[in-house]
Amino acid sequence: MENLVRHTAELTGTELREIRTLLDGAFDGDFADEDFEHALGGMHVLVRDAGGDLVAHGSVVMRRVVHQGRALRAGYVEAVAVRADARRRGLGGQVMARLEQVIGRAYVLGALSASQDGAALYLGRGWQVWGGRIGALSPDGPVPLPEEEGSTYVWAPPGGVRLDPAGRLDFDWRDGDVL
């Protein structure tokens, strides 16, 4: 297996199409254009098998998260997927290990929103479910996102920020699913 870490700007059109095809398959067609847009603009981990086929992917993009009056630079994990026939071989862990290296060097906090299927991967790597309130900084001002509570995970890299678990995390606004 070969894994590469590359910025979106370094990916070719063919690679972007490969990533989108992998994500569409991994999420059973439930991966919208806006979801793909959210995965762009940051660093990508691509895992290829011996034949050169893309079997796993994940990306990390910068998001601003307001917590207790501070705007934090967060590495937000997006589009983590493993091709169905390559699952349960540790590839998701490989992707996350590389993404965590990026987060640890460039951000004060890691964050992500996980499905029930993906939760075990993140918990096993030391990510924690955020127990506090979740919100977003919408064009009309701060709004609560109670539907995101219980599925938002955080990870503080060594030297990262300490969060007050009684506090609220307000994420920057974006089209589609805010988280």
C-alpha atoms as a PDB file:
ATOM      1  CA  MET A   1       0.000   0.000   0.000  1.00  0.00           C
ATOM      2  CA  GLU A   2       1.145   3.493  -0.808  1.00  0.00           C
ATOM      3  CA  ASN A   3      -0.181   6.573   0.940  1.00  0.00           C
ATOM      4  CA  LEU A   4       0.324  10.117  -0.197  1.00  0.00           C
ATOM      5  CA  VAL A   5      -0.416  13.439   1.483  1.00  0.00           C
ATOM      6  CA  ARG A   6      -1.202  16.228  -0.949  1.00  0.00           C
ATOM      7  CA  HIS A   7      -2.963  19.576  -0.987  1.00  0.00           C
ATOM      8  CA  THR A   8      -6.091  19.942  -3.115  1.00  0.00           C
ATOM      9  CA  ALA A   9      -4.136  22.285  -5.416  1.00  0.00           C
ATOM     10  CA  GLU A  10      -1.720  19.438  -6.187  1.00  0.00           C
ATOM     11  CA  LEU A  11      -4.405  16.920  -7.181  1.00  0.00           C
ATOM     12  CA  THR A  12      -5.067  16.291 -10.848  1.00  0.00           C
ATOM     13  CA  GLY A  13      -8.524  16.230 -12.365  1.00  0.00           C
ATOM     14  CA  THR A  14      -8.223  12.443 -12.626  1.00  0.00           C
ATOM     15  CA  GLU A  15      -7.360  12.148  -8.930  1.00  0.00           C
ATOM     16  CA  LEU A  16     -10.298  14.352  -7.951  1.00  0.00           C
ATOM     17  CA  ARG A  17     -12.624  12.145 -10.024  1.00  0.00           C
ATOM     18  CA  GLU A  18     -11.139   9.013  -8.378  1.00  0.00           C
ATOM     19  CA  ILE A  19     -11.750  10.503  -4.931  1.00  0.00           C
ATOM     20  CA  ARG A  20     -15.333  11.426  -5.802  1.00  0.00           C
ATOM     21  CA  THR A  21     -16.002   7.930  -7.184  1.00  0.00           C
ATOM     22  CA  LEU A  22     -14.584   6.333  -4.022  1.00  0.00           C
ATOM     23  CA  LEU A  23     -16.712   8.596  -1.808  1.00  0.00           C
ATOM     24  CA  ASP A  24     -19.891   7.972  -3.803  1.00  0.00           C
ATOM     25  CA  GLY A  25     -19.363   4.222  -3.471  1.00  0.00           C
ATOM     26  CA  ALA A  26     -18.375   4.282   0.185  1.00  0.00           C
ATOM     27  CA  PHE A  27     -21.383   6.395   1.161  1.00  0.00           C
ATOM     28  CA  ASP A  28     -23.823   4.415  -1.013  1.00  0.00           C
ATOM     29  CA  GLY A  29     -24.593   7.409  -3.225  1.00  0.00           C
ATOM     30  CA  ASP A  30     -25.383   9.601  -0.197  1.00  0.00           C
ATOM     31  CA  PHE A  31     -22.475  11.981  -0.805  1.00  0.00           C
ATOM     32  CA  ALA A  32     -23.693  15.292  -2.253  1.00  0.00           C
ATOM     33  CA  ASP A  33     -21.791  17.869  -4.277  1.00  0.00           C
ATOM     34  CA  GLU A  34     -21.714  20.108  -1.196  1.00  0.00           C
ATOM     35  CA  ASP A  35     -20.157  17.272   0.824  1.00  0.00           C
ATOM     36  CA  PHE A  36     -17.417  16.959  -1.777  1.00  0.00           C
ATOM     37  CA  GLU A  37     -16.898  20.729  -1.746  1.00  0.00           C
ATOM     38  CA  HIS A  38     -16.380  20.561   2.029  1.00  0.00           C
ATOM     39  CA  ALA A  39     -13.526  18.085   1.536  1.00  0.00           C
ATOM     40  CA  LEU A  40     -11.572  20.431  -0.753  1.00  0.00           C
ATOM     41  CA  GLY A  41      -9.090  23.195   0.005  1.00  0.00           C
ATOM     42  CA  GLY A  42      -6.901  21.358   2.472  1.00  0.00           C
ATOM     43  CA  MET A  43      -4.690  18.314   2.774  1.00  0.00           C
ATOM     44  CA  HIS A  44      -5.710  14.900   1.440  1.00  0.00           C
ATOM     45  CA  VAL A  45      -4.479  11.428   2.310  1.00  0.00           C
ATOM     46  CA  LEU A  46      -4.777   8.983  -0.575  1.00  0.00           C
ATOM     47  CA  VAL A  47      -4.086   5.270  -0.080  1.00  0.00           C
ATOM     48  CA  ARG A  48      -3.492   3.181  -3.186  1.00  0.00           C
ATOM     49  CA  ASP A  49      -3.204  -0.588  -3.446  1.00  0.00           C
ATOM     50  CA  ALA A  50      -0.341  -2.397  -5.207  1.00  0.00           C
ATOM     51  CA  GLY A  51      -2.154  -1.977  -8.527  1.00  0.00           C
ATOM     52  CA  GLY A  52      -2.422   1.789  -8.071  1.00  0.00           C
ATOM     53  CA  ASP A  53      -6.152   1.852  -7.367  1.00  0.00           C
ATOM     54  CA  LEU A  54      -7.449   4.319  -4.790  1.00  0.00           C
ATOM     55  CA  VAL A  55      -8.754   2.347  -1.794  1.00  0.00           C
ATOM     56  CA  ALA A  56      -8.934   4.973   0.982  1.00  0.00           C
ATOM     57  CA  HIS A  57      -9.124   8.736   1.386  1.00  0.00           C
ATOM     58  CA  GLY A  58      -9.549  11.463   3.970  1.00  0.00           C
ATOM     59  CA  SER A  59      -8.953  15.186   4.075  1.00  0.00           C
ATOM     60  CA  VAL A  60      -8.502  17.923   6.628  1.00  0.00           C
ATOM     61  CA  VAL A  61      -9.564  21.517   5.990  1.00  0.00           C
ATOM     62  CA  MET A  62      -9.308  24.613   8.141  1.00  0.00           C
ATOM     63  CA  ARG A  63     -12.404  25.755  10.020  1.00  0.00           C
ATOM     64  CA  ARG A  64     -12.809  28.487  12.589  1.00  0.00           C
ATOM     65  CA  VAL A  65     -14.430  27.360  15.825  1.00  0.00           C
ATOM     66  CA  VAL A  66     -15.424  29.903  18.445  1.00  0.00           C
ATOM     67  CA  HIS A  67     -15.108  28.659  22.014  1.00  0.00           C
ATOM     68  CA  GLN A  68     -15.409  30.906  25.049  1.00  0.00           C
ATOM     69  CA  GLY A  69     -14.809  34.039  23.016  1.00  0.00           C
ATOM     70  CA  ARG A  70     -11.763  32.719  21.128  1.00  0.00           C
ATOM     71  CA  ALA A  71     -11.688  31.908  17.404  1.00  0.00           C
ATOM     72  CA  LEU A  72      -9.705  28.679  17.206  1.00  0.00           C
ATOM     73  CA  ARG A  73      -7.939  27.312  14.121  1.00  0.00           C
ATOM     74  CA  ALA A  74      -9.363  23.812  13.786  1.00  0.00           C
ATOM     75  CA  GLY A  75      -8.378  21.039  11.407  1.00  0.00           C
ATOM     76  CA  TYR A  76     -11.739  19.622  10.359  1.00  0.00           C
ATOM     77  CA  VAL A  77     -11.653  16.041   9.067  1.00  0.00           C
ATOM     78  CA  GLU A  78     -13.770  15.330   5.994  1.00  0.00           C
ATOM     79  CA  ALA A  79     -14.534  12.551   3.541  1.00  0.00           C
ATOM     80  CA  VAL A  80     -12.872   9.621   5.312  1.00  0.00           C
ATOM     81  CA  ALA A  81     -13.724   6.528   3.318  1.00  0.00           C
ATOM     82  CA  VAL A  82     -12.398   3.060   2.532  1.00  0.00           C
ATOM     83  CA  ARG A  83     -13.506   1.071  -0.500  1.00  0.00           C
ATOM     84  CA  ALA A  84     -15.914  -1.690   0.584  1.00  0.00           C
ATOM     85  CA  ASP A  85     -13.654  -4.584  -0.456  1.00  0.00           C
ATOM     86  CA  ALA A  86     -10.669  -3.099   1.426  1.00  0.00           C
ATOM     87  CA  ARG A  87     -12.333  -2.484   4.792  1.00  0.00           C
ATOM     88  CA  ARG A  88     -11.225  -3.964   8.126  1.00  0.00           C
ATOM     89  CA  ARG A  89      -7.554  -3.894   7.130  1.00  0.00           C
ATOM     90  CA  GLY A  90      -6.491  -0.805   9.069  1.00  0.00           C
ATOM     91  CA  LEU A  91      -6.659   1.614   6.148  1.00  0.00           C
ATOM     92  CA  GLY A  92      -8.991   4.015   7.960  1.00  0.00           C
ATOM     93  CA  GLY A  93      -6.472   4.104  10.795  1.00  0.00           C
ATOM     94  CA  GLN A  94      -3.650   4.831   8.330  1.00  0.00           C
ATOM     95  CA  VAL A  95      -5.625   7.712   6.860  1.00  0.00           C
ATOM     96  CA  MET A  96      -6.413   9.120  10.292  1.00  0.00           C
ATOM     97  CA  ALA A  97      -2.804   8.802  11.489  1.00  0.00           C
ATOM     98  CA  ARG A  98      -1.615  10.953   8.596  1.00  0.00           C
ATOM     99  CA  LEU A  99      -4.449  13.461   9.058  1.00  0.00           C
ATOM    100  CA  GLU A 100      -3.645  13.701  12.767  1.00  0.00           C
ATOM    101  CA  GLN A 101      -0.019  14.511  11.866  1.00  0.00           C
ATOM    102  CA  VAL A 102      -1.273  17.417   9.751  1.00  0.00           C
ATOM    103  CA  ILE A 103      -3.619  18.584  12.512  1.00  0.00           C
ATOM    104  CA  GLY A 104      -0.877  18.328  15.123  1.00  0.00           C
ATOM    105  CA  ARG A 105       1.470  20.528  13.114  1.00  0.00           C
ATOM    106  CA  ALA A 106      -0.961  23.117  11.765  1.00  0.00           C
ATOM    107  CA  TYR A 107      -3.958  23.429  14.108  1.00  0.00           C
ATOM    108  CA  VAL A 108      -4.803  23.825  17.790  1.00  0.00           C
ATOM    109  CA  LEU A 109      -7.776  21.476  17.585  1.00  0.00           C
ATOM    110  CA  GLY A 110      -9.095  18.627  15.483  1.00  0.00           C
ATOM    111  CA  ALA A 111     -12.831  18.216  14.893  1.00  0.00           C
ATOM    112  CA  LEU A 112     -15.159  16.058  12.828  1.00  0.00           C
ATOM    113  CA  SER A 113     -18.716  14.843  12.550  1.00  0.00           C
ATOM    114  CA  ALA A 114     -19.048  11.057  12.541  1.00  0.00           C
ATOM    115  CA  SER A 115     -21.692   8.618  11.469  1.00  0.00           C
ATOM    116  CA  GLN A 116     -22.518   5.735  13.785  1.00  0.00           C
ATOM    117  CA  ASP A 117     -20.558   3.463  11.421  1.00  0.00           C
ATOM    118  CA  GLY A 118     -17.428   5.605  11.700  1.00  0.00           C
ATOM    119  CA  ALA A 119     -17.556   6.396  15.408  1.00  0.00           C
ATOM    120  CA  ALA A 120     -15.509   3.385  16.558  1.00  0.00           C
ATOM    121  CA  LEU A 121     -12.555   4.396  14.365  1.00  0.00           C
ATOM    122  CA  TYR A 122     -12.359   7.845  15.943  1.00  0.00           C
ATOM    123  CA  LEU A 123     -12.987   6.727  19.521  1.00  0.00           C
ATOM    124  CA  GLY A 124     -10.266   4.095  19.165  1.00  0.00           C
ATOM    125  CA  ARG A 125      -7.806   6.815  18.163  1.00  0.00           C
ATOM    126  CA  GLY A 126      -8.492   9.034  21.162  1.00  0.00           C
ATOM    127  CA  TRP A 127     -11.046  11.385  19.640  1.00  0.00           C
ATOM    128  CA  GLN A 128     -13.781  12.310  22.098  1.00  0.00           C
ATOM    129  CA  VAL A 129     -17.448  13.030  21.620  1.00  0.00           C
ATOM    130  CA  TRP A 130     -17.981  16.697  22.416  1.00  0.00           C
ATOM    131  CA  GLY A 131     -20.326  16.703  25.403  1.00  0.00           C
ATOM    132  CA  GLY A 132     -21.132  20.398  25.296  1.00  0.00           C
ATOM    133  CA  ARG A 133     -23.388  22.428  23.062  1.00  0.00           C
ATOM    134  CA  ILE A 134     -22.804  22.771  19.313  1.00  0.00           C
ATOM    135  CA  GLY A 135     -23.687  25.777  17.168  1.00  0.00           C
ATOM    136  CA  ALA A 136     -22.769  27.661  14.029  1.00  0.00           C
ATOM    137  CA  LEU A 137     -22.053  31.250  13.128  1.00  0.00           C
ATOM    138  CA  SER A 138     -24.734  31.699  10.465  1.00  0.00           C
ATOM    139  CA  PRO A 139     -25.182  34.769   8.253  1.00  0.00           C
ATOM    140  CA  ASP A 140     -27.995  35.740  10.662  1.00  0.00           C
ATOM    141  CA  GLY A 141     -25.888  35.236  13.792  1.00  0.00           C
ATOM    142  CA  PRO A 142     -25.167  32.280  16.079  1.00  0.00           C
ATOM    143  CA  VAL A 143     -27.607  29.364  15.835  1.00  0.00           C
ATOM    144  CA  PRO A 144     -27.767  26.205  17.943  1.00  0.00           C
ATOM    145  CA  LEU A 145     -27.277  22.841  16.197  1.00  0.00           C
ATOM    146  CA  PRO A 146     -28.712  20.335  18.682  1.00  0.00           C
ATOM    147  CA  GLU A 147     -28.882  17.670  15.960  1.00  0.00           C
ATOM    148  CA  GLU A 148     -25.063  17.676  15.826  1.00  0.00           C
ATOM    149  CA  GLU A 149     -24.656  17.040  19.538  1.00  0.00           C
ATOM    150  CA  GLY A 150     -23.456  13.509  20.183  1.00  0.00           C
ATOM    151  CA  SER A 151     -21.917  13.107  16.718  1.00  0.00           C
ATOM    152  CA  THR A 152     -19.258  15.842  16.869  1.00  0.00           C
ATOM    153  CA  TYR A 153     -15.803  14.654  17.932  1.00  0.00           C
ATOM    154  CA  VAL A 154     -12.774  16.657  19.012  1.00  0.00           C
ATOM    155  CA  TRP A 155      -9.090  15.864  19.384  1.00  0.00           C
ATOM    156  CA  ALA A 156      -6.503  18.119  20.976  1.00  0.00           C
ATOM    157  CA  PRO A 157      -3.009  17.570  19.599  1.00  0.00           C
ATOM    158  CA  PRO A 158      -0.052  17.842  21.975  1.00  0.00           C
ATOM    159  CA  GLY A 159       0.295  21.519  22.764  1.00  0.00           C
ATOM    160  CA  GLY A 160      -3.202  22.200  21.443  1.00  0.00           C
ATOM    161  CA  VAL A 161      -5.974  24.106  23.122  1.00  0.00           C
ATOM    162  CA  ARG A 162      -7.780  22.942  26.251  1.00  0.00           C
ATOM    163  CA  LEU A 163     -11.534  23.136  25.882  1.00  0.00           C
ATOM    164  CA  ASP A 164     -14.034  23.735  28.643  1.00  0.00           C
ATOM    165  CA  PRO A 165     -16.479  20.809  28.298  1.00  0.00           C
ATOM    166  CA  ALA A 166     -19.256  23.009  29.688  1.00  0.00           C
ATOM    167  CA  GLY A 167     -18.691  25.495  26.858  1.00  0.00           C
ATOM    168  CA  ARG A 168     -20.148  25.682  23.387  1.00  0.00           C
ATOM    169  CA  LEU A 169     -18.400  25.147  20.050  1.00  0.00           C
ATOM    170  CA  ASP A 170     -19.631  27.460  17.276  1.00  0.00           C
ATOM    171  CA  PHE A 171     -18.369  26.446  13.842  1.00  0.00           C
ATOM    172  CA  ASP A 172     -18.040  28.758  10.864  1.00  0.00           C
ATOM    173  CA  TRP A 173     -20.960  28.641   8.429  1.00  0.00           C
ATOM    174  CA  ARG A 174     -20.943  26.794   5.120  1.00  0.00           C
ATOM    175  CA  ASP A 175     -23.525  25.655   2.590  1.00  0.00           C
ATOM    176  CA  GLY A 176     -25.060  22.209   2.947  1.00  0.00           C
ATOM    177  CA  ASP A 177     -24.455  20.353   6.184  1.00  0.00           C
ATOM    178  CA  VAL A 178     -22.785  22.880   8.476  1.00  0.00           C
ATOM    179  CA  LEU A 179     -20.975  20.022  10.200  1.00  0.00           C
END
